[in-house]
Amino acid sequence: MQEKSVLILGAGLMQKPAIISAKNLNLHTFVIDANPSAEAVSYADDFCRIDLKDREEILRYAAELKEKANLKGIFTAGTDFSSSVSYAAEKLGFPSHSFEASLNASIKSRMRTCFKNAGVPSPEFFTISKDSVSVEKLKFITQSLGFPCVVKPVDNMGARGCRMIRNENEVMPSVSVALENSRSGTAIIEKYMEGPEFSIDAIVYNGTVTITGFADRHIFYPPYFIETGHTMPTALSDESKKLELISCFAAGINALGLTTGAAKADIKYTKNGAEIGEIAARLSGGYMSGWTYPYSSGCNLTEQALKIAVGEEPDYILKNRFPLPVKDSPFELFILPSEKVSAERAWISIPGKIKSIDGLDGASKISGIKNVFPRAVKAGDEIDFPRNNVQKCGNVISLNSDYDLSVSEAEKSCSKILIRLEPDNPKTDDFLNGKTLPDEEGFPPAAFSAFSKLSDFSLPSEIPENESVLNNLSPEFLELLKSPERDWNYLTAYETAHRFDLLVPIHPSLDGKKFWSALLKGGIQGAIYISDSI
């Protein structure tokens, strides 16, 4: 009998679990991507270079595989192209969400309209395009919504082109960037939702929705929305709020018309209750469906979703899920809970050019660390403080039975990693001197809020060569440094100074005020940069 096969869209890191899981299911893997050098290409049984936006070419290739290679289904995870999957799957008779439903879940303006028509809680919004945008229209929209509001491309992911608009001066620059990041030249401007944010994964199957991951999202650095990590499962203890969030998600799934496969929500709990940010017709990216949920639950979620895509039962989910006490839902609701805690955290950099990346081995040796994933940055690369989630430098993932321990292990792992910057770089100097763009007031932020209080303290004019930077400081300034506040390196200011002493015991004479300003503004990177630049 001819071996069964599956077509997987995408060959990046986020699709690697799908390729491996398919092979574990004894499926021959045909994988497509526009990039023949993508990270997971080598894991595929067969690779073909096809742009994931090219639906007709994907359909042609899938039809050929159905005829000649016993193709049983089409699948993606962590990409923008669930509609490409549905387009080909629907025409070839494979299980999937309908093409129209996938478009609803891929184009934010359609999504918001579906929610509005069905009465699903989501922000008030307006659609704009390159052809129709005007100063008058934007003024009307922002006056209607009020500040802050949010602009985002209708058809991109990873928070590319997405940001908060805080005042009139930020409107035109923000809208221009959002439209540039839209493949269709279209964006939405919506009311800002204030409240804690969550990511929820689900499997939609035979009239049921099973929650397969409920995580806290950790978002920082306005006016942008940078996810510095997530923690699985959520620390939210209020069961009624959890059920309200899940019910809202299920109503959103129904409003979009999703019926067969995966769904993923970014959702907030606001003063008005649960409100949906967006729903995607696929498994989540960001290490959630492929790593943190399998670690925390023991369920290979990708494998279960693949089974649906090739016409098989998601047997593990059906056997191990528990019903949820929710009334008036369009679906029977279940949950497959997480018993352990898996935390994902990112490391980032201040602006400059990379001299070296150190500490990766030490990061991987921290107790509880399952993975350390550096992104494709290397010595000599220009780097910036992230304005979207693609610009982060890497991620670590931990696993523990205790929430706080899992979080602390992930953060400790990140703190071991140092991106050392080349000296005398104008971009680094501009950042350390507090230079910002007119429409980005306060961004990039200082590593420590104590930076704004620096002028209140008398600091040594000189730190002698090779001497500890912690010597000769006033008790008041030492107390400020020992504040519990931690920066994006997950270090306190005092720990950062101590780490400088360990990493740079041999250093030139340093200007005291300049050194402490750089440390409080740029963390350990800023402190070392000042020393290296002398």
Protein backbone atom coordinates (compact mmCIF):
# COMPACT_ATOMS: atom_id res chain seq x y z
CA MET A 1 0.00 0.00 0.00
CA GLN A 2 1.35 3.45 -0.90
CA GLU A 3 2.61 5.54 2.02
CA LYS A 4 0.27 8.35 3.13
CA SER A 5 1.58 11.89 2.83
CA VAL A 6 0.85 15.41 4.06
CA LEU A 7 1.67 18.81 2.61
CA ILE A 8 3.04 21.27 5.19
CA LEU A 9 3.17 24.99 4.48
CA GLY A 10 6.28 26.62 5.94
CA ALA A 11 9.77 25.33 6.75
CA GLY A 12 10.79 27.70 9.55
CA LEU A 13 11.43 26.91 13.20
CA MET A 14 7.71 27.22 14.04
CA GLN A 15 6.90 24.50 11.48
CA LYS A 16 9.61 22.10 12.66
CA PRO A 17 7.30 20.39 15.21
CA ALA A 18 4.76 19.79 12.42
CA ILE A 19 7.31 18.11 10.16
CA ILE A 20 8.65 15.93 12.98
CA SER A 21 5.15 15.06 14.24
CA ALA A 22 4.01 14.10 10.75
CA LYS A 23 6.93 11.74 10.38
CA ASN A 24 6.11 10.24 13.77
CA LEU A 25 2.65 9.53 12.34
CA ASN A 26 4.33 7.70 9.44
CA LEU A 27 3.31 10.41 7.01
CA HIS A 28 5.61 11.30 4.14
CA THR A 29 6.27 15.04 4.46
CA PHE A 30 6.09 17.34 1.47
CA VAL A 31 7.09 20.81 2.66
CA ILE A 32 6.93 24.12 0.80
CA ASP A 33 8.41 27.54 1.53
CA ALA A 34 9.63 30.53 -0.46
CA ASN A 35 12.98 30.22 1.34
CA PRO A 36 14.97 27.10 0.39
CA SER A 37 17.38 27.83 3.27
CA ALA A 38 14.66 27.90 5.94
CA GLU A 39 15.62 26.23 9.21
CA ALA A 40 13.49 23.08 8.96
CA VAL A 41 14.00 22.29 5.25
CA SER A 42 16.42 19.48 6.10
CA TYR A 43 13.72 17.70 8.15
CA ALA A 44 11.36 17.38 5.18
CA ASP A 45 11.19 14.19 3.12
CA ASP A 46 10.61 16.37 0.04
CA PHE A 47 10.94 20.14 -0.29
CA CYS A 48 9.57 22.38 -3.02
CA ARG A 49 10.14 26.12 -3.29
CA ILE A 50 6.69 27.75 -3.49
CA ASP A 51 5.62 31.13 -2.13
CA LEU A 52 2.98 30.52 0.54
CA LYS A 53 0.93 33.41 -0.86
CA ASP A 54 0.60 31.66 -4.24
CA ARG A 55 -2.66 29.77 -3.66
CA GLU A 56 -3.02 28.58 -7.24
CA GLU A 57 0.46 27.08 -7.30
CA ILE A 58 -0.14 25.44 -3.92
CA LEU A 59 -3.39 23.97 -5.25
CA ARG A 60 -1.67 22.71 -8.41
CA TYR A 61 1.12 21.07 -6.39
CA ALA A 62 -1.31 19.56 -3.85
CA ALA A 63 -3.51 18.16 -6.63
CA GLU A 64 -0.46 16.52 -8.19
CA LEU A 65 0.50 15.02 -4.81
CA LYS A 66 -3.05 13.74 -4.26
CA GLU A 67 -2.91 11.94 -7.57
CA LYS A 68 0.64 10.60 -7.36
CA ALA A 69 1.70 10.55 -3.70
CA ASN A 70 -1.42 9.56 -1.70
CA LEU A 71 -1.75 13.03 -0.18
CA LYS A 72 -4.23 13.01 2.72
CA GLY A 73 -4.22 16.59 3.94
CA ILE A 74 -2.65 20.06 4.09
CA PHE A 75 -1.38 21.77 7.24
CA THR A 76 0.37 24.81 8.67
CA ALA A 77 1.23 26.20 12.11
CA GLY A 78 2.65 29.56 13.11
CA THR A 79 2.31 31.18 9.66
CA ASP A 80 0.07 33.82 8.10
CA PHE A 81 -1.22 31.35 5.54
CA SER A 82 -4.06 29.31 6.99
CA SER A 83 -6.20 30.64 4.12
CA SER A 84 -3.76 29.11 1.62
CA VAL A 85 -4.25 25.78 3.39
CA SER A 86 -8.04 26.08 3.29
CA TYR A 87 -8.10 27.21 -0.34
CA ALA A 88 -6.38 24.05 -1.57
CA ALA A 89 -7.88 21.71 1.05
CA GLU A 90 -11.45 22.76 0.30
CA LYS A 91 -11.04 22.27 -3.45
CA LEU A 92 -9.41 18.86 -2.99
CA GLY A 93 -11.84 17.56 -0.36
CA PHE A 94 -9.46 17.50 2.62
CA PRO A 95 -10.59 18.33 6.17
CA SER A 96 -10.10 22.01 7.03
CA HIS A 97 -11.85 25.20 7.92
CA SER A 98 -13.64 26.64 4.89
CA PHE A 99 -11.73 29.09 2.73
CA GLU A 100 -14.17 31.87 3.58
CA ALA A 101 -13.80 31.20 7.31
CA SER A 102 -10.03 31.23 7.01
CA LEU A 103 -10.17 34.57 5.22
CA ASN A 104 -12.34 35.85 8.06
CA ALA A 105 -9.59 34.79 10.47
CA SER A 106 -6.75 36.14 8.31
CA ILE A 107 -7.93 39.64 7.40
CA LYS A 108 -8.48 41.77 10.50
CA SER A 109 -11.09 44.05 8.91
CA ARG A 110 -13.23 41.03 7.94
CA MET A 111 -12.65 39.54 11.38
CA ARG A 112 -13.80 42.65 13.20
CA THR A 113 -16.88 42.86 10.97
CA CYS A 114 -17.79 39.23 11.76
CA PHE A 115 -17.44 39.92 15.47
CA LYS A 116 -19.51 43.10 15.26
CA ASN A 117 -22.31 41.39 13.31
CA ALA A 118 -22.43 38.51 15.79
CA GLY A 119 -22.23 40.69 18.89
CA VAL A 120 -18.87 39.23 19.97
CA PRO A 121 -16.99 41.61 22.28
CA SER A 122 -14.10 43.26 20.38
CA PRO A 123 -12.85 46.83 19.94
CA GLU A 124 -14.64 49.47 17.90
CA PHE A 125 -12.69 49.92 14.64
CA PHE A 126 -12.32 51.72 11.33
CA THR A 127 -10.72 50.45 8.12
CA ILE A 128 -8.29 52.59 6.13
CA SER A 129 -6.31 52.00 2.93
CA LYS A 130 -3.52 53.69 0.99
CA ASP A 131 -6.07 54.83 -1.57
CA SER A 132 -8.58 56.31 0.87
CA VAL A 133 -6.57 57.66 3.81
CA SER A 134 -6.66 61.41 4.42
CA VAL A 135 -5.89 63.83 7.23
CA GLU A 136 -9.60 64.59 7.61
CA LYS A 137 -10.57 60.93 7.80
CA LEU A 138 -7.86 60.15 10.35
CA LYS A 139 -8.93 63.11 12.46
CA PHE A 140 -12.53 61.87 12.43
CA ILE A 141 -11.41 58.34 13.37
CA THR A 142 -9.16 59.37 16.24
CA GLN A 143 -11.76 61.78 17.60
CA SER A 144 -14.32 58.96 17.49
CA LEU A 145 -12.07 56.43 19.21
CA GLY A 146 -10.07 58.75 21.44
CA PHE A 147 -6.43 58.35 22.47
CA PRO A 148 -4.82 55.96 22.90
CA CYS A 149 -5.95 53.88 19.95
CA VAL A 150 -4.18 51.17 17.96
CA VAL A 151 -3.29 50.85 14.28
CA LYS A 152 -2.38 47.51 12.70
CA PRO A 153 -2.09 46.04 9.19
CA VAL A 154 -5.05 43.80 8.35
CA ASP A 155 -2.85 41.00 6.99
CA ASN A 156 0.42 40.63 8.89
CA MET A 157 1.60 38.90 12.05
CA GLY A 158 4.36 39.25 14.63
CA ALA A 159 3.11 42.78 15.50
CA ARG A 160 4.76 44.14 12.34
CA GLY A 161 3.44 47.63 11.74
CA CYS A 162 1.28 47.47 14.86
CA ARG A 163 1.50 50.23 17.47
CA MET A 164 -0.36 52.44 19.87
CA ILE A 165 -1.28 55.97 18.79
CA ARG A 166 -1.06 58.16 21.89
CA ASN A 167 -1.64 61.64 20.49
CA GLU A 168 -2.18 63.62 17.27
CA ASN A 169 1.56 63.84 16.50
CA GLU A 170 1.77 60.05 16.24
CA VAL A 171 -1.16 59.53 13.86
CA MET A 172 0.36 59.99 10.41
CA PRO A 173 3.73 58.28 11.09
CA SER A 174 1.99 55.30 12.73
CA VAL A 175 -0.57 54.90 9.96
CA SER A 176 2.11 55.13 7.26
CA VAL A 177 4.15 52.32 8.83
CA ALA A 178 1.05 50.13 9.27
CA LEU A 179 0.03 50.56 5.62
CA GLU A 180 3.58 49.82 4.46
CA ASN A 181 3.48 46.56 6.41
CA SER A 182 0.19 45.44 4.84
CA ARG A 183 0.33 43.24 1.75
CA SER A 184 -3.00 44.71 0.62
CA GLY A 185 -2.23 48.27 1.65
CA THR A 186 -5.02 48.18 4.25
CA ALA A 187 -5.04 48.70 8.01
CA ILE A 188 -7.48 49.09 10.86
CA ILE A 189 -7.51 51.67 13.62
CA GLU A 190 -9.23 50.42 16.74
CA LYS A 191 -9.97 51.39 20.32
CA TYR A 192 -7.23 50.40 22.74
CA MET A 193 -8.14 47.59 25.12
CA GLU A 194 -6.73 48.03 28.63
CA GLY A 195 -6.23 44.85 30.65
CA PRO A 196 -4.21 41.64 31.06
CA GLU A 197 -3.72 39.67 27.85
CA PHE A 198 -3.91 35.93 27.23
CA SER A 199 -3.22 33.50 24.41
CA ILE A 200 -5.61 30.59 24.06
CA ASP A 201 -5.24 27.65 21.65
CA ALA A 202 -8.12 25.37 20.74
CA ILE A 203 -9.04 22.41 18.56
CA VAL A 204 -12.39 22.68 16.73
CA TYR A 205 -13.74 19.25 15.90
CA ASN A 206 -17.20 17.75 15.30
CA GLY A 207 -19.12 20.56 16.96
CA THR A 208 -16.79 20.77 19.96
CA VAL A 209 -14.09 23.21 21.01
CA THR A 210 -11.31 21.89 23.24
CA ILE A 211 -9.03 24.43 24.91
CA THR A 212 -5.47 23.26 24.37
CA GLY A 213 -3.43 25.96 26.03
CA PHE A 214 -4.26 29.02 28.12
CA ALA A 215 -1.26 31.28 28.68
CA ASP A 216 -0.42 34.66 30.16
CA ARG A 217 1.13 37.03 27.58
CA HIS A 218 3.72 39.52 28.79
CA ILE A 219 3.56 42.68 26.63
CA PHE A 220 5.77 45.73 27.12
CA TYR A 221 7.36 48.86 25.62
CA PRO A 222 4.69 51.24 24.34
CA PRO A 223 3.91 52.57 21.86
CA TYR A 224 4.76 49.09 20.52
CA PHE A 225 3.44 45.72 21.70
CA ILE A 226 6.50 43.56 22.30
CA GLU A 227 5.80 40.14 23.78
CA THR A 228 8.73 39.40 26.06
CA GLY A 229 7.31 35.95 26.70
CA HIS A 230 4.36 33.87 27.82
CA THR A 231 3.72 31.54 30.73
CA MET A 232 1.70 28.34 30.36
CA PRO A 233 -0.75 27.86 32.03
CA THR A 234 -2.14 31.20 33.11
CA ALA A 235 -1.76 32.38 36.68
CA LEU A 236 -5.34 33.72 36.55
CA SER A 237 -7.08 32.15 39.53
CA ASP A 238 -10.59 33.51 38.98
CA GLU A 239 -12.42 30.59 37.36
CA SER A 240 -15.40 32.72 36.35
CA LYS A 241 -13.11 35.06 34.40
CA LYS A 242 -11.42 32.08 32.74
CA LEU A 243 -14.78 30.71 31.63
CA GLU A 244 -15.84 34.14 30.39
CA LEU A 245 -12.66 34.40 28.29
CA ILE A 246 -13.17 30.89 26.89
CA SER A 247 -16.84 31.59 26.14
CA CYS A 248 -15.90 34.77 24.31
CA PHE A 249 -13.30 32.84 22.30
CA ALA A 250 -15.87 30.18 21.38
CA ALA A 251 -18.34 32.85 20.27
CA GLY A 252 -15.61 34.37 18.12
CA ILE A 253 -14.78 30.99 16.55
CA ASN A 254 -18.44 30.58 15.66
CA ALA A 255 -18.72 34.12 14.28
CA LEU A 256 -15.79 33.48 11.92
CA GLY A 257 -17.26 30.15 10.78
CA LEU A 258 -14.35 27.97 11.91
CA THR A 259 -15.37 24.30 12.10
CA THR A 260 -12.49 21.89 11.51
CA GLY A 261 -8.96 22.32 12.82
CA ALA A 262 -7.08 24.68 15.08
CA ALA A 263 -7.94 28.16 16.36
CA LYS A 264 -5.87 30.62 18.35
CA ALA A 265 -6.99 33.74 20.22
CA ASP A 266 -5.23 36.77 21.61
CA ILE A 267 -7.73 38.06 24.13
CA LYS A 268 -7.87 40.56 27.00
CA TYR A 269 -9.86 40.93 30.17
CA THR A 270 -10.89 44.60 30.27
CA LYS A 271 -13.13 46.70 32.50
CA ASN A 272 -15.95 45.57 30.20
CA GLY A 273 -15.03 41.89 30.55
CA ALA A 274 -13.51 39.60 27.91
CA GLU A 275 -12.71 41.22 24.56
CA ILE A 276 -11.06 39.54 21.58
CA GLY A 277 -7.96 41.02 20.01
CA GLU A 278 -7.86 38.50 17.18
CA ILE A 279 -8.43 34.85 16.29
CA ALA A 280 -6.30 32.88 13.84
CA ALA A 281 -7.38 29.69 12.04
CA ARG A 282 -4.24 27.78 12.97
CA LEU A 283 -2.10 26.69 15.86
CA SER A 284 -0.23 29.51 17.57
CA GLY A 285 3.36 30.44 16.84
CA GLY A 286 5.58 32.00 19.46
CA TYR A 287 6.64 28.57 20.84
CA MET A 288 3.22 27.99 22.44
CA SER A 289 1.65 25.14 20.48
CA GLY A 290 4.93 23.46 19.57
CA TRP A 291 6.79 23.72 22.87
CA THR A 292 5.28 25.22 26.04
CA TYR A 293 1.90 23.51 25.80
CA PRO A 294 3.30 20.03 25.01
CA TYR A 295 5.78 20.46 27.86
CA SER A 296 3.14 21.59 30.35
CA SER A 297 0.34 19.21 29.33
CA GLY A 298 2.10 16.13 27.96
CA CYS A 299 0.02 16.43 24.77
CA ASN A 300 1.67 16.69 21.35
CA LEU A 301 -0.85 19.24 20.13
CA THR A 302 0.68 19.52 16.67
CA GLU A 303 0.27 15.78 16.17
CA GLN A 304 -3.39 15.94 17.20
CA ALA A 305 -4.08 18.84 14.81
CA LEU A 306 -2.27 16.97 12.02
CA LYS A 307 -4.54 13.97 12.56
CA ILE A 308 -7.58 16.14 11.90
CA ALA A 309 -5.94 17.53 8.76
CA VAL A 310 -5.45 14.03 7.32
CA GLY A 311 -8.91 12.74 8.27
CA GLU A 312 -8.11 10.95 11.51
CA GLU A 313 -9.50 11.39 15.03
CA PRO A 314 -7.52 13.51 17.52
CA ASP A 315 -7.65 10.50 19.85
CA TYR A 316 -5.47 11.79 22.68
CA ILE A 317 -7.56 14.94 23.03
CA LEU A 318 -10.88 13.05 22.89
CA LYS A 319 -9.75 10.61 25.60
CA ASN A 320 -8.19 13.10 28.02
CA ARG A 321 -10.25 16.29 27.83
CA PHE A 322 -12.71 17.47 30.49
CA PRO A 323 -16.06 19.25 29.90
CA LEU A 324 -16.39 22.90 30.88
CA PRO A 325 -19.50 24.19 32.69
CA VAL A 326 -20.43 26.84 30.13
CA LYS A 327 -24.03 27.48 29.10
CA ASP A 328 -25.33 29.02 25.89
CA SER A 329 -22.22 28.24 23.84
CA PRO A 330 -22.45 27.40 20.13
CA PHE A 331 -20.12 24.46 20.86
CA GLU A 332 -19.66 21.80 23.49
CA LEU A 333 -16.66 23.15 25.39
CA PHE A 334 -13.83 21.07 26.84
CA ILE A 335 -10.33 21.63 28.17
CA LEU A 336 -7.14 19.57 28.14
CA PRO A 337 -5.35 21.12 31.12
CA SER A 338 -1.70 21.78 31.80
CA GLU A 339 -0.30 20.12 34.91
CA LYS A 340 3.18 21.70 34.81
CA VAL A 341 4.37 25.24 34.10
CA SER A 342 6.41 26.19 31.06
CA ALA A 343 7.70 29.75 30.69
CA GLU A 344 9.03 31.29 27.48
CA ARG A 345 11.11 34.46 27.71
CA ALA A 346 12.90 36.55 25.08
CA TRP A 347 16.15 38.45 25.18
CA ILE A 348 16.52 41.72 23.33
CA SER A 349 19.17 44.36 22.62
CA ILE A 350 19.66 48.10 22.67
CA PRO A 351 20.55 49.67 19.28
CA GLY A 352 23.99 49.17 17.78
CA LYS A 353 26.20 46.68 15.97
CA ILE A 354 26.91 43.24 17.45
CA LYS A 355 30.50 42.58 18.52
CA SER A 356 29.87 39.17 20.10
CA ILE A 357 27.13 37.01 21.62
CA ASP A 358 28.18 35.36 24.85
CA GLY A 359 26.60 33.18 27.52
CA LEU A 360 24.48 30.83 25.43
CA ASP A 361 26.08 27.75 27.01
CA GLY A 362 25.52 29.12 30.49
CA ALA A 363 21.91 29.92 29.64
CA SER A 364 21.23 26.32 28.63
CA LYS A 365 22.73 24.95 31.87
CA ILE A 366 20.26 26.67 34.18
CA SER A 367 18.06 24.16 36.00
CA GLY A 368 14.71 23.60 34.30
CA ILE A 369 15.71 25.01 30.91
CA LYS A 370 14.43 22.92 28.02
CA ASN A 371 15.47 25.06 25.04
CA VAL A 372 17.59 28.06 24.11
CA PHE A 373 16.70 29.43 20.67
CA PRO A 374 19.02 32.15 19.35
CA ARG A 375 17.63 33.98 16.33
CA ALA A 376 19.65 34.57 13.19
CA VAL A 377 21.76 37.43 14.53
CA LYS A 378 25.57 37.35 14.51
CA ALA A 379 28.65 39.46 15.01
CA GLY A 380 28.69 42.39 12.61
CA ASP A 381 24.89 42.65 12.32
CA GLU A 382 23.11 45.93 12.98
CA ILE A 383 20.55 45.51 15.74
CA ASP A 384 17.80 47.64 17.23
CA PHE A 385 15.46 47.71 20.17
CA PRO A 386 12.46 45.72 18.90
CA ARG A 387 9.46 47.46 17.41
CA ASN A 388 7.84 44.11 16.54
CA ASN A 389 8.15 40.52 17.69
CA VAL A 390 10.37 39.48 14.79
CA GLN A 391 13.17 41.75 16.01
CA LYS A 392 13.78 39.94 19.29
CA CYS A 393 17.18 38.22 19.58
CA GLY A 394 16.19 34.84 20.95
CA ASN A 395 14.06 32.86 23.37
CA VAL A 396 14.44 30.39 26.21
CA ILE A 397 11.87 27.89 27.48
CA SER A 398 11.69 26.40 30.97
CA LEU A 399 9.64 23.68 32.64
CA ASN A 400 8.86 23.22 36.32
CA SER A 401 6.03 22.06 38.52
CA ASP A 402 5.91 25.49 40.19
CA TYR A 403 4.85 28.71 38.41
CA ASP A 404 7.30 31.04 40.14
CA LEU A 405 10.24 28.65 39.76
CA SER A 406 9.57 28.13 36.07
CA VAL A 407 9.44 31.90 35.50
CA SER A 408 12.60 32.56 37.54
CA GLU A 409 14.52 29.82 35.71
CA ALA A 410 13.58 31.26 32.31
CA GLU A 411 14.52 34.77 33.39
CA LYS A 412 17.80 33.62 34.94
CA SER A 413 18.65 31.83 31.71
CA CYS A 414 18.03 35.00 29.66
CA SER A 415 20.15 37.03 32.08
CA LYS A 416 23.19 34.90 31.25
CA ILE A 417 23.16 35.99 27.61
CA LEU A 418 25.11 39.11 26.64
CA ILE A 419 25.05 40.78 23.26
CA ARG A 420 28.21 42.89 23.40
CA LEU A 421 28.11 45.87 21.07
CA GLU A 422 30.87 47.38 18.98
CA PRO A 423 32.17 50.65 20.48
CA ASP A 424 31.72 54.15 19.09
CA ASN A 425 28.43 53.51 17.30
CA PRO A 426 26.18 56.53 16.58
CA LYS A 427 22.97 54.53 17.10
CA THR A 428 24.10 53.30 20.50
CA ASP A 429 25.25 56.80 21.45
CA ASP A 430 21.90 58.27 20.40
CA PHE A 431 20.04 55.72 22.51
CA LEU A 432 22.22 56.26 25.60
CA ASN A 433 21.83 60.02 25.22
CA GLY A 434 18.04 59.68 25.15
CA LYS A 435 17.50 60.71 21.54
CA THR A 436 14.08 59.64 20.24
CA LEU A 437 11.99 60.15 17.12
CA PRO A 438 9.29 62.83 17.33
CA ASP A 439 6.51 60.22 17.16
CA GLU A 440 8.17 57.81 19.63
CA GLU A 441 8.39 59.78 22.84
CA GLY A 442 9.82 57.61 25.59
CA PHE A 443 10.89 54.86 23.19
CA PRO A 444 13.17 52.99 23.43
CA PRO A 445 12.73 53.10 27.20
CA ALA A 446 15.42 53.24 29.86
CA ALA A 447 16.40 49.92 31.40
CA PHE A 448 15.64 51.29 34.87
CA SER A 449 13.27 54.02 36.03
CA ALA A 450 16.12 55.22 38.27
CA PHE A 451 17.60 56.75 35.11
CA SER A 452 15.19 59.66 35.46
CA LYS A 453 16.38 60.29 39.04
CA LEU A 454 20.09 60.32 38.29
CA SER A 455 20.44 64.10 38.63
CA ASP A 456 19.21 63.88 42.22
CA PHE A 457 22.38 62.11 43.35
CA SER A 458 26.00 63.09 43.82
CA LEU A 459 28.12 60.56 41.94
CA PRO A 460 31.90 60.07 41.87
CA SER A 461 33.40 62.03 38.99
CA GLU A 462 35.76 59.16 38.23
CA ILE A 463 35.79 55.40 38.63
CA PRO A 464 39.51 54.49 38.78
CA GLU A 465 40.78 51.90 36.30
CA ASN A 466 40.20 48.27 37.31
CA GLU A 467 38.26 49.32 40.42
CA SER A 468 34.80 47.99 41.29
CA VAL A 469 32.13 50.36 40.03
CA LEU A 470 30.26 49.80 43.30
CA ASN A 471 32.97 51.46 45.40
CA ASN A 472 32.67 55.00 46.74
CA LEU A 473 28.92 55.31 46.18
CA SER A 474 26.65 57.11 48.62
CA PRO A 475 24.31 54.98 50.74
CA GLU A 476 21.35 56.71 49.08
CA PHE A 477 22.49 55.79 45.57
CA LEU A 478 23.29 52.22 46.62
CA GLU A 479 19.76 51.95 47.99
CA LEU A 480 18.41 53.15 44.64
CA LEU A 481 20.47 50.52 42.82
CA LYS A 482 19.11 47.82 45.11
CA SER A 483 15.52 48.52 44.09
CA PRO A 484 13.75 45.26 43.10
CA GLU A 485 12.96 46.63 39.61
CA ARG A 486 14.43 44.44 36.86
CA ASP A 487 15.27 45.37 33.29
CA TRP A 488 14.87 43.40 30.05
CA ASN A 489 17.96 41.39 31.07
CA TYR A 490 16.01 40.34 34.21
CA LEU A 491 18.65 41.95 36.43
CA THR A 492 18.33 44.67 39.07
CA ALA A 493 20.54 47.73 38.70
CA TYR A 494 22.74 46.48 41.55
CA GLU A 495 23.04 43.03 39.95
CA THR A 496 23.91 44.73 36.65
CA ALA A 497 26.75 46.69 38.29
CA HIS A 498 28.01 43.54 40.02
CA ARG A 499 27.91 41.69 36.72
CA PHE A 500 29.95 44.45 35.09
CA ASP A 501 32.58 43.96 37.78
CA LEU A 502 32.68 40.22 37.03
CA LEU A 503 32.76 40.57 33.24
CA VAL A 504 35.05 43.61 32.99
CA PRO A 505 37.47 43.50 35.95
CA ILE A 506 40.10 45.18 33.76
CA HIS A 507 38.75 48.51 32.54
CA PRO A 508 40.03 52.03 31.93
CA SER A 509 39.28 54.98 34.15
CA LEU A 510 35.57 55.76 33.71
CA ASP A 511 33.60 58.97 33.93
CA GLY A 512 31.31 58.20 36.90
CA LYS A 513 28.27 60.13 35.74
CA LYS A 514 28.56 58.86 32.17
CA PHE A 515 28.97 55.25 33.34
CA TRP A 516 25.98 55.24 35.67
CA SER A 517 23.84 57.02 33.11
CA ALA A 518 24.72 54.33 30.53
CA LEU A 519 24.03 51.50 32.97
CA LEU A 520 20.64 52.83 34.05
CA LYS A 521 19.65 53.64 30.46
CA GLY A 522 21.04 50.58 28.65
CA GLY A 523 21.57 47.90 31.29
CA ILE A 524 24.65 45.70 31.14
CA GLN A 525 25.06 46.42 27.42
CA GLY A 526 25.21 50.16 28.06
CA ALA A 527 27.71 49.80 30.90
CA ILE A 528 30.09 47.61 28.89
CA TYR A 529 29.68 49.77 25.79
CA ILE A 530 30.86 52.87 27.66
CA SER A 531 33.92 51.01 28.93
CA ASP A 532 34.70 49.51 25.51
CA SER A 533 34.35 52.90 23.79
CA ILE A 534 37.16 54.54 25.77
